[in-house]
Full PDB file with SEQRES, HELIX, SHEET, SSBOND, CRYST1, ORIGX, SCALE, CONECT and MASTER records, all heavy atoms in Angstrom:
SEQRES   1 A   43  VAL THR ALA PHE ASP GLU LYS THR PRO ILE CYS PHE THR          
SEQRES   2 A   43  ALA ARG GLN ARG ARG VAL LEU GLU GLN LEU GLN ARG VAL          
SEQRES   3 A   43  ALA SER ALA SER GLU ALA THR SER LEU THR ASN GLU LEU          
SEQRES   4 A   43  LEU GLU GLY PRO                                              
HELIX    1 AA1 ALA A   14  LEU A   23  1                                  10    
HELIX    2 AA2 ALA A   29  GLU A   41  1                                  13    
CRYST1    1.000    1.000    1.000  90.00  90.00  90.00 P 1           1          
ORIGX1      1.000000  0.000000  0.000000        0.00000                         
ORIGX2      0.000000  1.000000  0.000000        0.00000                         
ORIGX3      0.000000  0.000000  1.000000        0.00000                         
SCALE1      1.000000  0.000000  0.000000        0.00000                         
SCALE2      0.000000  1.000000  0.000000        0.00000                         
SCALE3      0.000000  0.000000  1.000000        0.00000                         
ATOM      1  N   VAL A   1       0.829  -1.210   0.000  1.00  0.00           N  
ATOM      2  CA  VAL A   1       0.000   0.000   0.000  1.00  0.00           C  
ATOM      3  C   VAL A   1       0.865   1.262   0.000  1.00  0.00           C  
ATOM      4  O   VAL A   1       0.520   2.253   0.619  1.00  0.00           O  
ATOM      5  CB  VAL A   1      -0.988   0.013   1.195  1.00  0.00           C  
ATOM      6  CG1 VAL A   1      -2.021  -1.072   1.064  1.00  0.00           C  
ATOM      7  CG2 VAL A   1      -0.250  -0.107   2.520  1.00  0.00           C  
ATOM      8  N   THR A   2       1.955   1.236  -0.746  1.00  0.00           N  
ATOM      9  CA  THR A   2       2.847   2.394  -0.757  1.00  0.00           C  
ATOM     10  C   THR A   2       2.187   3.616  -1.376  1.00  0.00           C  
ATOM     11  O   THR A   2       2.538   4.738  -1.049  1.00  0.00           O  
ATOM     12  CB  THR A   2       4.157   2.085  -1.501  1.00  0.00           C  
ATOM     13  OG1 THR A   2       3.839   1.571  -2.793  1.00  0.00           O  
ATOM     14  CG2 THR A   2       4.992   1.070  -0.740  1.00  0.00           C  
ATOM     15  N   ALA A   3       1.224   3.417  -2.270  1.00  0.00           N  
ATOM     16  CA  ALA A   3       0.534   4.548  -2.902  1.00  0.00           C  
ATOM     17  C   ALA A   3      -0.822   4.806  -2.250  1.00  0.00           C  
ATOM     18  O   ALA A   3      -1.677   5.464  -2.818  1.00  0.00           O  
ATOM     19  CB  ALA A   3       0.359   4.286  -4.393  1.00  0.00           C  
ATOM     20  N   PHE A   4      -1.022   4.289  -1.057  1.00  0.00           N  
ATOM     21  CA  PHE A   4      -2.294   4.410  -0.350  1.00  0.00           C  
ATOM     22  C   PHE A   4      -2.534   5.855   0.070  1.00  0.00           C  
ATOM     23  O   PHE A   4      -1.667   6.493   0.658  1.00  0.00           O  
ATOM     24  CB  PHE A   4      -2.285   3.510   0.886  1.00  0.00           C  
ATOM     25  CG  PHE A   4      -3.539   3.569   1.702  1.00  0.00           C  
ATOM     26  CD1 PHE A   4      -4.694   2.989   1.253  1.00  0.00           C  
ATOM     27  CD2 PHE A   4      -3.558   4.219   2.927  1.00  0.00           C  
ATOM     28  CE1 PHE A   4      -5.855   3.029   2.000  1.00  0.00           C  
ATOM     29  CE2 PHE A   4      -4.702   4.271   3.678  1.00  0.00           C  
ATOM     30  CZ  PHE A   4      -5.851   3.674   3.217  1.00  0.00           C  
ATOM     31  N   ASP A   5      -3.723   6.372  -0.248  1.00  0.00           N  
ATOM     32  CA  ASP A   5      -4.117   7.721   0.169  1.00  0.00           C  
ATOM     33  C   ASP A   5      -5.131   7.575   1.296  1.00  0.00           C  
ATOM     34  O   ASP A   5      -6.240   7.100   1.084  1.00  0.00           O  
ATOM     35  CB  ASP A   5      -4.734   8.489  -1.003  1.00  0.00           C  
ATOM     36  CG  ASP A   5      -5.164   9.900  -0.633  1.00  0.00           C  
ATOM     37  OD1 ASP A   5      -4.945  10.325   0.524  1.00  0.00           O  
ATOM     38  OD2 ASP A   5      -5.725  10.576  -1.504  1.00  0.00           O  
ATOM     39  N   GLU A   6      -4.753   7.964   2.497  1.00  0.00           N  
ATOM     40  CA  GLU A   6      -5.620   7.783   3.667  1.00  0.00           C  
ATOM     41  C   GLU A   6      -6.897   8.600   3.608  1.00  0.00           C  
ATOM     42  O   GLU A   6      -7.816   8.377   4.388  1.00  0.00           O  
ATOM     43  CB  GLU A   6      -4.853   8.111   4.948  1.00  0.00           C  
ATOM     44  CG  GLU A   6      -4.372   9.540   4.972  1.00  0.00           C  
ATOM     45  CD  GLU A   6      -3.228   9.764   5.930  1.00  0.00           C  
ATOM     46  OE1 GLU A   6      -2.381   8.889   6.067  1.00  0.00           O  
ATOM     47  OE2 GLU A   6      -3.208  10.845   6.533  1.00  0.00           O  
ATOM     48  N   LYS A   7      -7.000   9.533   2.673  1.00  0.00           N  
ATOM     49  CA  LYS A   7      -8.217  10.345   2.553  1.00  0.00           C  
ATOM     50  C   LYS A   7      -9.173   9.788   1.504  1.00  0.00           C  
ATOM     51  O   LYS A   7     -10.256  10.324   1.326  1.00  0.00           O  
ATOM     52  CB  LYS A   7      -7.846  11.786   2.230  1.00  0.00           C  
ATOM     53  CG  LYS A   7      -7.081  12.428   3.364  1.00  0.00           C  
ATOM     54  CD  LYS A   7      -6.727  13.847   3.076  1.00  0.00           C  
ATOM     55  CE  LYS A   7      -5.943  14.386   4.274  1.00  0.00           C  
ATOM     56  NZ  LYS A   7      -5.355  15.653   4.003  1.00  0.00           N  
ATOM     57  N   THR A   8      -8.776   8.721   0.832  1.00  0.00           N  
ATOM     58  CA  THR A   8      -9.631   8.089  -0.164  1.00  0.00           C  
ATOM     59  C   THR A   8     -10.549   7.099   0.532  1.00  0.00           C  
ATOM     60  O   THR A   8     -10.089   6.239   1.284  1.00  0.00           O  
ATOM     61  CB  THR A   8      -8.775   7.346  -1.213  1.00  0.00           C  
ATOM     62  OG1 THR A   8      -7.921   8.281  -1.842  1.00  0.00           O  
ATOM     63  CG2 THR A   8      -9.639   6.666  -2.244  1.00  0.00           C  
ATOM     64  N   PRO A   9     -11.875   7.204   0.320  1.00  0.00           N  
ATOM     65  CA  PRO A   9     -12.797   6.265   0.965  1.00  0.00           C  
ATOM     66  C   PRO A   9     -12.588   4.836   0.459  1.00  0.00           C  
ATOM     67  O   PRO A   9     -12.231   4.630  -0.698  1.00  0.00           O  
ATOM     68  CB  PRO A   9     -14.178   6.781   0.577  1.00  0.00           C  
ATOM     69  CG  PRO A   9     -13.984   7.845  -0.431  1.00  0.00           C  
ATOM     70  CD  PRO A   9     -12.544   8.177  -0.510  1.00  0.00           C  
ATOM     71  N   ILE A  10     -12.812   3.891   1.349  1.00  0.00           N  
ATOM     72  CA  ILE A  10     -12.656   2.477   1.018  1.00  0.00           C  
ATOM     73  C   ILE A  10     -13.899   1.728   1.473  1.00  0.00           C  
ATOM     74  O   ILE A  10     -14.380   1.930   2.585  1.00  0.00           O  
ATOM     75  CB  ILE A  10     -11.426   1.874   1.723  1.00  0.00           C  
ATOM     76  CG1 ILE A  10     -10.161   2.580   1.285  1.00  0.00           C  
ATOM     77  CG2 ILE A  10     -11.322   0.385   1.456  1.00  0.00           C  
ATOM     78  CD1 ILE A  10      -8.938   2.151   2.040  1.00  0.00           C  
ATOM     79  N   CYS A  11     -14.397   0.849   0.623  1.00  0.00           N  
ATOM     80  CA  CYS A  11     -15.505  -0.030   0.984  1.00  0.00           C  
ATOM     81  C   CYS A  11     -14.917  -1.373   1.396  1.00  0.00           C  
ATOM     82  O   CYS A  11     -14.116  -1.950   0.676  1.00  0.00           O  
ATOM     83  CB  CYS A  11     -16.438  -0.232  -0.202  1.00  0.00           C  
ATOM     84  SG  CYS A  11     -17.235   1.250  -0.769  1.00  0.00           S  
ATOM     85  N   PHE A  12     -15.350  -1.874   2.547  1.00  0.00           N  
ATOM     86  CA  PHE A  12     -14.861  -3.161   3.025  1.00  0.00           C  
ATOM     87  C   PHE A  12     -15.880  -4.274   2.818  1.00  0.00           C  
ATOM     88  O   PHE A  12     -15.531  -5.439   2.896  1.00  0.00           O  
ATOM     89  CB  PHE A  12     -14.493  -3.069   4.516  1.00  0.00           C  
ATOM     90  CG  PHE A  12     -13.300  -2.193   4.756  1.00  0.00           C  
ATOM     91  CD1 PHE A  12     -13.457  -0.897   5.194  1.00  0.00           C  
ATOM     92  CD2 PHE A  12     -12.025  -2.663   4.519  1.00  0.00           C  
ATOM     93  CE1 PHE A  12     -12.354  -0.085   5.414  1.00  0.00           C  
ATOM     94  CE2 PHE A  12     -10.915  -1.861   4.729  1.00  0.00           C  
ATOM     95  CZ  PHE A  12     -11.088  -0.561   5.187  1.00  0.00           C  
ATOM     96  N   THR A  13     -17.135  -3.917   2.582  1.00  0.00           N  
ATOM     97  CA  THR A  13     -18.171  -4.935   2.389  1.00  0.00           C  
ATOM     98  C   THR A  13     -19.000  -4.604   1.156  1.00  0.00           C  
ATOM     99  O   THR A  13     -19.027  -3.457   0.691  1.00  0.00           O  
ATOM    100  CB  THR A  13     -19.118  -5.012   3.599  1.00  0.00           C  
ATOM    101  OG1 THR A  13     -19.878  -3.799   3.659  1.00  0.00           O  
ATOM    102  CG2 THR A  13     -18.356  -5.224   4.910  1.00  0.00           C  
ATOM    103  N   ALA A  14     -19.695  -5.605   0.660  1.00  0.00           N  
ATOM    104  CA  ALA A  14     -20.591  -5.404  -0.487  1.00  0.00           C  
ATOM    105  C   ALA A  14     -21.710  -4.431  -0.119  1.00  0.00           C  
ATOM    106  O   ALA A  14     -22.140  -3.626  -0.944  1.00  0.00           O  
ATOM    107  CB  ALA A  14     -21.160  -6.737  -0.945  1.00  0.00           C  
ATOM    108  N   ARG A  15     -22.174  -4.486   1.130  1.00  0.00           N  
ATOM    109  CA  ARG A  15     -23.245  -3.589   1.578  1.00  0.00           C  
ATOM    110  C   ARG A  15     -22.775  -2.139   1.539  1.00  0.00           C  
ATOM    111  O   ARG A  15     -23.483  -1.246   1.068  1.00  0.00           O  
ATOM    112  CB  ARG A  15     -23.692  -3.963   2.994  1.00  0.00           C  
ATOM    113  CG  ARG A  15     -24.838  -3.119   3.521  1.00  0.00           C  
ATOM    114  CD  ARG A  15     -25.327  -3.639   4.871  1.00  0.00           C  
ATOM    115  NE  ARG A  15     -24.333  -3.533   5.901  1.00  0.00           N  
ATOM    116  CZ  ARG A  15     -24.256  -2.535   6.776  1.00  0.00           C  
ATOM    117  NH1 ARG A  15     -25.129  -1.555   6.745  1.00  0.00           N  
ATOM    118  NH2 ARG A  15     -23.319  -2.506   7.690  1.00  0.00           N  
ATOM    119  N   GLN A  16     -21.566  -1.881   2.001  1.00  0.00           N  
ATOM    120  CA  GLN A  16     -21.025  -0.521   1.946  1.00  0.00           C  
ATOM    121  C   GLN A  16     -20.921  -0.040   0.506  1.00  0.00           C  
ATOM    122  O   GLN A  16     -21.301   1.081   0.188  1.00  0.00           O  
ATOM    123  CB  GLN A  16     -19.643  -0.473   2.592  1.00  0.00           C  
ATOM    124  CG  GLN A  16     -19.648  -0.616   4.085  1.00  0.00           C  
ATOM    125  CD  GLN A  16     -18.247  -0.708   4.649  1.00  0.00           C  
ATOM    126  OE1 GLN A  16     -17.280  -0.975   3.935  1.00  0.00           O  
ATOM    127  NE2 GLN A  16     -18.129  -0.482   5.948  1.00  0.00           N  
ATOM    128  N   ARG A  17     -20.424  -0.903  -0.364  1.00  0.00           N  
ATOM    129  CA  ARG A  17     -20.270  -0.539  -1.773  1.00  0.00           C  
ATOM    130  C   ARG A  17     -21.624  -0.215  -2.398  1.00  0.00           C  
ATOM    131  O   ARG A  17     -21.781   0.777  -3.094  1.00  0.00           O  
ATOM    132  CB  ARG A  17     -19.583  -1.656  -2.551  1.00  0.00           C  
ATOM    133  CG  ARG A  17     -19.313  -1.305  -4.003  1.00  0.00           C  
ATOM    134  CD  ARG A  17     -18.558  -2.396  -4.741  1.00  0.00           C  
ATOM    135  NE  ARG A  17     -17.443  -2.966  -4.017  1.00  0.00           N  
ATOM    136  CZ  ARG A  17     -16.243  -2.405  -3.862  1.00  0.00           C  
ATOM    137  NH1 ARG A  17     -16.020  -1.222  -4.402  1.00  0.00           N  
ATOM    138  NH2 ARG A  17     -15.290  -3.002  -3.191  1.00  0.00           N  
ATOM    139  N   ARG A  18     -22.645  -1.046  -2.111  1.00  0.00           N  
ATOM    140  CA  ARG A  18     -23.975  -0.833  -2.670  1.00  0.00           C  
ATOM    141  C   ARG A  18     -24.558   0.498  -2.214  1.00  0.00           C  
ATOM    142  O   ARG A  18     -25.062   1.282  -3.025  1.00  0.00           O  
ATOM    143  CB  ARG A  18     -24.917  -1.972  -2.258  1.00  0.00           C  
ATOM    144  CG  ARG A  18     -26.323  -1.838  -2.802  1.00  0.00           C  
ATOM    145  CD  ARG A  18     -27.219  -2.985  -2.344  1.00  0.00           C  
ATOM    146  NE  ARG A  18     -27.233  -3.203  -0.908  1.00  0.00           N  
ATOM    147  CZ  ARG A  18     -27.934  -2.468  -0.042  1.00  0.00           C  
ATOM    148  NH1 ARG A  18     -28.673  -1.473  -0.460  1.00  0.00           N  
ATOM    149  NH2 ARG A  18     -27.900  -2.740   1.253  1.00  0.00           N  
ATOM    150  N   VAL A  19     -24.461   0.788  -0.928  1.00  0.00           N  
ATOM    151  CA  VAL A  19     -25.017   2.031  -0.406  1.00  0.00           C  
ATOM    152  C   VAL A  19     -24.270   3.238  -0.971  1.00  0.00           C  
ATOM    153  O   VAL A  19     -24.883   4.231  -1.381  1.00  0.00           O  
ATOM    154  CB  VAL A  19     -25.022   2.042   1.136  1.00  0.00           C  
ATOM    155  CG1 VAL A  19     -25.426   3.397   1.683  1.00  0.00           C  
ATOM    156  CG2 VAL A  19     -25.958   0.964   1.670  1.00  0.00           C  
ATOM    157  N   LEU A  20     -22.957   3.164  -1.055  1.00  0.00           N  
ATOM    158  CA  LEU A  20     -22.188   4.289  -1.590  1.00  0.00           C  
ATOM    159  C   LEU A  20     -22.452   4.505  -3.079  1.00  0.00           C  
ATOM    160  O   LEU A  20     -22.513   5.641  -3.545  1.00  0.00           O  
ATOM    161  CB  LEU A  20     -20.699   4.094  -1.322  1.00  0.00           C  
ATOM    162  CG  LEU A  20     -20.314   4.191   0.158  1.00  0.00           C  
ATOM    163  CD1 LEU A  20     -18.849   3.846   0.352  1.00  0.00           C  
ATOM    164  CD2 LEU A  20     -20.626   5.557   0.723  1.00  0.00           C  
ATOM    165  N   GLU A  21     -22.656   3.427  -3.820  1.00  0.00           N  
ATOM    166  CA  GLU A  21     -23.028   3.574  -5.235  1.00  0.00           C  
ATOM    167  C   GLU A  21     -24.393   4.243  -5.363  1.00  0.00           C  
ATOM    168  O   GLU A  21     -24.611   5.081  -6.237  1.00  0.00           O  
ATOM    169  CB  GLU A  21     -23.025   2.221  -5.936  1.00  0.00           C  
ATOM    170  CG  GLU A  21     -21.623   1.695  -6.187  1.00  0.00           C  
ATOM    171  CD  GLU A  21     -21.593   0.254  -6.683  1.00  0.00           C  
ATOM    172  OE1 GLU A  21     -22.654  -0.424  -6.676  1.00  0.00           O  
ATOM    173  OE2 GLU A  21     -20.504  -0.199  -7.076  1.00  0.00           O  
ATOM    174  N   GLN A  22     -25.315   3.878  -4.474  1.00  0.00           N  
ATOM    175  CA  GLN A  22     -26.641   4.506  -4.487  1.00  0.00           C  
ATOM    176  C   GLN A  22     -26.542   5.984  -4.107  1.00  0.00           C  
ATOM    177  O   GLN A  22     -27.254   6.823  -4.662  1.00  0.00           O  
ATOM    178  CB  GLN A  22     -27.597   3.782  -3.540  1.00  0.00           C  
ATOM    179  CG  GLN A  22     -28.014   2.421  -4.043  1.00  0.00           C  
ATOM    180  CD  GLN A  22     -28.874   1.677  -3.034  1.00  0.00           C  
ATOM    181  OE1 GLN A  22     -28.739   1.866  -1.828  1.00  0.00           O  
ATOM    182  NE2 GLN A  22     -29.748   0.818  -3.529  1.00  0.00           N  
ATOM    183  N   LEU A  23     -25.661   6.319  -3.174  1.00  0.00           N  
ATOM    184  CA  LEU A  23     -25.501   7.717  -2.756  1.00  0.00           C  
ATOM    185  C   LEU A  23     -25.050   8.609  -3.909  1.00  0.00           C  
ATOM    186  O   LEU A  23     -25.389   9.791  -3.946  1.00  0.00           O  
ATOM    187  CB  LEU A  23     -24.492   7.817  -1.610  1.00  0.00           C  
ATOM    188  CG  LEU A  23     -25.037   7.563  -0.218  1.00  0.00           C  
ATOM    189  CD1 LEU A  23     -23.899   7.474   0.790  1.00  0.00           C  
ATOM    190  CD2 LEU A  23     -26.032   8.626   0.189  1.00  0.00           C  
ATOM    191  N   GLN A  24     -24.318   8.046  -4.844  1.00  0.00           N  
ATOM    192  CA  GLN A  24     -23.870   8.827  -5.990  1.00  0.00           C  
ATOM    193  C   GLN A  24     -25.041   9.243  -6.880  1.00  0.00           C  
ATOM    194  O   GLN A  24     -24.926  10.194  -7.636  1.00  0.00           O  
ATOM    195  CB  GLN A  24     -22.869   8.030  -6.829  1.00  0.00           C  
ATOM    196  CG  GLN A  24     -21.559   7.810  -6.130  1.00  0.00           C  
ATOM    197  CD  GLN A  24     -20.622   6.957  -6.956  1.00  0.00           C  
ATOM    198  OE1 GLN A  24     -21.040   6.110  -7.737  1.00  0.00           O  
ATOM    199  NE2 GLN A  24     -19.335   7.189  -6.783  1.00  0.00           N  
ATOM    200  N   ARG A  25     -26.167   8.531  -6.778  1.00  0.00           N  
ATOM    201  CA  ARG A  25     -27.299   8.792  -7.674  1.00  0.00           C  
ATOM    202  C   ARG A  25     -28.488   9.453  -6.982  1.00  0.00           C  
ATOM    203  O   ARG A  25     -29.540   9.598  -7.598  1.00  0.00           O  
ATOM    204  CB  ARG A  25     -27.753   7.478  -8.307  1.00  0.00           C  
ATOM    205  CG  ARG A  25     -26.699   6.817  -9.173  1.00  0.00           C  
ATOM    206  CD  ARG A  25     -27.241   5.592  -9.886  1.00  0.00           C  
ATOM    207  NE  ARG A  25     -27.656   4.530  -8.990  1.00  0.00           N  
ATOM    208  CZ  ARG A  25     -26.871   3.547  -8.554  1.00  0.00           C  
ATOM    209  NH1 ARG A  25     -25.629   3.493  -8.930  1.00  0.00           N  
ATOM    210  NH2 ARG A  25     -27.337   2.616  -7.752  1.00  0.00           N  
ATOM    211  N   VAL A  26     -28.359   9.848  -5.718  1.00  0.00           N  
ATOM    212  CA  VAL A  26     -29.504  10.412  -5.002  1.00  0.00           C  
ATOM    213  C   VAL A  26     -29.885  11.775  -5.554  1.00  0.00           C  
ATOM    214  O   VAL A  26     -29.050  12.499  -6.090  1.00  0.00           O  
ATOM    215  CB  VAL A  26     -29.262  10.517  -3.482  1.00  0.00           C  
ATOM    216  CG1 VAL A  26     -29.046   9.156  -2.875  1.00  0.00           C  
ATOM    217  CG2 VAL A  26     -28.136  11.458  -3.161  1.00  0.00           C  
ATOM    218  N   ALA A  27     -31.171  12.091  -5.396  1.00  0.00           N  
ATOM    219  CA  ALA A  27     -31.687  13.365  -5.903  1.00  0.00           C  
ATOM    220  C   ALA A  27     -31.959  14.364  -4.785  1.00  0.00           C  
ATOM    221  O   ALA A  27     -32.194  15.537  -5.053  1.00  0.00           O  
ATOM    222  CB  ALA A  27     -32.961  13.119  -6.707  1.00  0.00           C  
ATOM    223  N   SER A  28     -31.938  13.899  -3.529  1.00  0.00           N  
ATOM    224  CA  SER A  28     -32.282  14.803  -2.434  1.00  0.00           C  
ATOM    225  C   SER A  28     -31.462  14.486  -1.187  1.00  0.00           C  
ATOM    226  O   SER A  28     -30.946  13.380  -1.025  1.00  0.00           O  
ATOM    227  CB  SER A  28     -33.772  14.691  -2.096  1.00  0.00           C  
ATOM    228  OG  SER A  28     -34.040  13.425  -1.515  1.00  0.00           O  
ATOM    229  N   ALA A  29     -31.392  15.465  -0.309  1.00  0.00           N  
ATOM    230  CA  ALA A  29     -30.678  15.284   0.958  1.00  0.00           C  
ATOM    231  C   ALA A  29     -31.368  14.249   1.834  1.00  0.00           C  
ATOM    232  O   ALA A  29     -30.703  13.471   2.519  1.00  0.00           O  
ATOM    233  CB  ALA A  29     -30.570  16.613   1.695  1.00  0.00           C  
ATOM    234  N   SER A  30     -32.704  14.196   1.793  1.00  0.00           N  
ATOM    235  CA  SER A  30     -33.415  13.224   2.633  1.00  0.00           C  
ATOM    236  C   SER A  30     -33.142  11.796   2.156  1.00  0.00           C  
ATOM    237  O   SER A  30     -33.018  10.877   2.969  1.00  0.00           O  
ATOM    238  CB  SER A  30     -34.917  13.515   2.651  1.00  0.00           C  
ATOM    239  OG  SER A  30     -35.472  13.364   1.365  1.00  0.00           O  
ATOM    240  N   GLU A  31     -33.039  11.600   0.843  1.00  0.00           N  
ATOM    241  CA  GLU A  31     -32.713  10.274   0.327  1.00  0.00           C  
ATOM    242  C   GLU A  31     -31.283   9.887   0.721  1.00  0.00           C  
ATOM    243  O   GLU A  31     -31.025   8.746   1.105  1.00  0.00           O  
ATOM    244  CB  GLU A  31     -32.859  10.261  -1.199  1.00  0.00           C  
ATOM    245  CG  GLU A  31     -32.740   8.893  -1.810  1.00  0.00           C  
ATOM    246  CD  GLU A  31     -32.940   8.905  -3.317  1.00  0.00           C  
ATOM    247  OE1 GLU A  31     -33.237   9.961  -3.901  1.00  0.00           O  
ATOM    248  OE2 GLU A  31     -32.789   7.827  -3.915  1.00  0.00           O  
ATOM    249  N   ALA A  32     -30.368  10.837   0.686  1.00  0.00           N  
ATOM    250  CA  ALA A  32     -28.990  10.591   1.101  1.00  0.00           C  
ATOM    251  C   ALA A  32     -28.929  10.241   2.587  1.00  0.00           C  
ATOM    252  O   ALA A  32     -28.201   9.332   2.988  1.00  0.00           O  
ATOM    253  CB  ALA A  32     -28.119  11.804   0.805  1.00  0.00           C  
ATOM    254  N   THR A  33     -29.719  10.932   3.392  1.00  0.00           N  
ATOM    255  CA  THR A  33     -29.766  10.644   4.827  1.00  0.00           C  
ATOM    256  C   THR A  33     -30.278   9.235   5.082  1.00  0.00           C  
ATOM    257  O   THR A  33     -29.731   8.501   5.904  1.00  0.00           O  
ATOM    258  CB  THR A  33     -30.655  11.675   5.550  1.00  0.00           C  
ATOM    259  OG1 THR A  33     -30.083  12.972   5.356  1.00  0.00           O  
ATOM    260  CG2 THR A  33     -30.765  11.383   7.033  1.00  0.00           C  
ATOM    261  N   SER A  34     -31.312   8.844   4.373  1.00  0.00           N  
ATOM    262  CA  SER A  34     -31.877   7.509   4.529  1.00  0.00           C  
ATOM    263  C   SER A  34     -30.848   6.430   4.180  1.00  0.00           C  
ATOM    264  O   SER A  34     -30.683   5.450   4.913  1.00  0.00           O  
ATOM    265  CB  SER A  34     -33.120   7.368   3.647  1.00  0.00           C  
ATOM    266  OG  SER A  34     -33.613   6.059   3.697  1.00  0.00           O  
ATOM    267  N   LEU A  35     -30.148   6.606   3.073  1.00  0.00           N  
ATOM    268  CA  LEU A  35     -29.139   5.630   2.677  1.00  0.00           C  
ATOM    269  C   LEU A  35     -27.970   5.601   3.658  1.00  0.00           C  
ATOM    270  O   LEU A  35     -27.445   4.535   3.977  1.00  0.00           O  
ATOM    271  CB  LEU A  35     -28.635   5.943   1.270  1.00  0.00           C  
ATOM    272  CG  LEU A  35     -29.607   5.615   0.146  1.00  0.00           C  
ATOM    273  CD1 LEU A  35     -29.113   6.176  -1.176  1.00  0.00           C  
ATOM    274  CD2 LEU A  35     -29.828   4.121   0.034  1.00  0.00           C  
ATOM    275  N   THR A  36     -27.567   6.752   4.153  1.00  0.00           N  
ATOM    276  CA  THR A  36     -26.485   6.801   5.133  1.00  0.00           C  
ATOM    277  C   THR A  36     -26.886   6.093   6.418  1.00  0.00           C  
ATOM    278  O   THR A  36     -26.096   5.343   6.999  1.00  0.00           O  
ATOM    279  CB  THR A  36     -26.095   8.266   5.424  1.00  0.00           C  
ATOM    280  OG1 THR A  36     -25.731   8.899   4.196  1.00  0.00           O  
ATOM    281  CG2 THR A  36     -24.939   8.339   6.391  1.00  0.00           C  
ATOM    282  N   ASN A  37     -28.121   6.304   6.856  1.00  0.00           N  
ATOM    283  CA  ASN A  37     -28.608   5.610   8.052  1.00  0.00           C  
ATOM    284  C   ASN A  37     -28.631   4.105   7.839  1.00  0.00           C  
ATOM    285  O   ASN A  37     -28.321   3.337   8.745  1.00  0.00           O  
ATOM    286  CB  ASN A  37     -29.989   6.126   8.446  1.00  0.00           C  
ATOM    287  CG  ASN A  37     -29.930   7.477   9.075  1.00  0.00           C  
ATOM    288  OD1 ASN A  37     -28.901   7.897   9.595  1.00  0.00           O  
ATOM    289  ND2 ASN A  37     -31.023   8.217   8.995  1.00  0.00           N  
ATOM    290  N   GLU A  38     -28.981   3.669   6.627  1.00  0.00           N  
ATOM    291  CA  GLU A  38     -28.970   2.240   6.329  1.00  0.00           C  
ATOM    292  C   GLU A  38     -27.557   1.690   6.466  1.00  0.00           C  
ATOM    293  O   GLU A  38     -27.352   0.622   7.037  1.00  0.00           O  
ATOM    294  CB  GLU A  38     -29.478   1.989   4.911  1.00  0.00           C  
ATOM    295  CG  GLU A  38     -29.446   0.526   4.509  1.00  0.00           C  
ATOM    296  CD  GLU A  38     -29.854   0.301   3.063  1.00  0.00           C  
ATOM    297  OE1 GLU A  38     -30.497   1.169   2.460  1.00  0.00           O  
ATOM    298  OE2 GLU A  38     -29.495  -0.780   2.543  1.00  0.00           O  
ATOM    299  N   LEU A  39     -26.581   2.416   5.980  1.00  0.00           N  
ATOM    300  CA  LEU A  39     -25.203   1.987   6.068  1.00  0.00           C  
ATOM    301  C   LEU A  39     -24.741   1.912   7.532  1.00  0.00           C  
ATOM    302  O   LEU A  39     -24.116   0.954   7.952  1.00  0.00           O  
ATOM    303  CB  LEU A  39     -24.289   2.934   5.293  1.00  0.00           C  
ATOM    304  CG  LEU A  39     -22.795   2.632   5.339  1.00  0.00           C  
ATOM    305  CD1 LEU A  39     -22.510   1.284   4.704  1.00  0.00           C  
ATOM    306  CD2 LEU A  39     -22.027   3.731   4.650  1.00  0.00           C  
ATOM    307  N   LEU A  40     -25.108   2.925   8.311  1.00  0.00           N  
ATOM    308  CA  LEU A  40     -24.637   2.991   9.701  1.00  0.00           C  
ATOM    309  C   LEU A  40     -25.401   2.078  10.648  1.00  0.00           C  
ATOM    310  O   LEU A  40     -24.840   1.572  11.617  1.00  0.00           O  
ATOM    311  CB  LEU A  40     -24.726   4.439  10.202  1.00  0.00           C  
ATOM    312  CG  LEU A  40     -23.818   5.427   9.489  1.00  0.00           C  
ATOM    313  CD1 LEU A  40     -24.135   6.847   9.957  1.00  0.00           C  
ATOM    314  CD2 LEU A  40     -22.365   5.099   9.701  1.00  0.00           C  
ATOM    315  N   GLU A  41     -26.675   1.863  10.386  1.00  0.00           N  
ATOM    316  CA  GLU A  41     -27.512   1.145  11.350  1.00  0.00           C  
ATOM    317  C   GLU A  41     -28.030  -0.190  10.843  1.00  0.00           C  
ATOM    318  O   GLU A  41     -28.709  -0.906  11.568  1.00  0.00           O  
ATOM    319  CB  GLU A  41     -28.691   2.036  11.745  1.00  0.00           C  
ATOM    320  CG  GLU A  41     -28.241   3.319  12.403  1.00  0.00           C  
ATOM    321  CD  GLU A  41     -29.374   4.316  12.606  1.00  0.00           C  
ATOM    322  OE1 GLU A  41     -30.536   3.965  12.326  1.00  0.00           O  
ATOM    323  OE2 GLU A  41     -29.088   5.436  13.036  1.00  0.00           O  
ATOM    324  N   GLY A  42     -27.750  -0.501   9.597  1.00  0.00           N  
ATOM    325  CA  GLY A  42     -28.274  -1.729   9.007  1.00  0.00           C  
ATOM    326  C   GLY A  42     -27.669  -2.966   9.623  1.00  0.00           C  
ATOM    327  O   GLY A  42     -26.686  -2.911  10.363  1.00  0.00           O  
ATOM    328  N   PRO A  43     -28.239  -4.118   9.299  1.00  0.00           N  
ATOM    329  CA  PRO A  43     -27.710  -5.371   9.835  1.00  0.00           C  
ATOM    330  C   PRO A  43     -26.314  -5.650   9.293  1.00  0.00           C  
ATOM    331  O   PRO A  43     -25.994  -5.317   8.154  1.00  0.00           O  
ATOM    332  CB  PRO A  43     -28.710  -6.424   9.332  1.00  0.00           C  
ATOM    333  CG  PRO A  43     -29.353  -5.787   8.137  1.00  0.00           C  
ATOM    334  CD  PRO A  43     -29.346  -4.313   8.391  1.00  0.00           C  
TER     335      PRO A  43                                                      
MASTER        0    0    0    2    0    0    0    6  334    1    0    4          
END                                                                             
């Protein structure tokens, strides 16, 4: 990891990747909040 940038986000699970991909396509702040809560509080 010699070229590792500590400020670059990393997904460790498929669930994180799915939610972050969805966040790129949101149309509103409330939708972004809902997806973020799913990532933080989901199973």
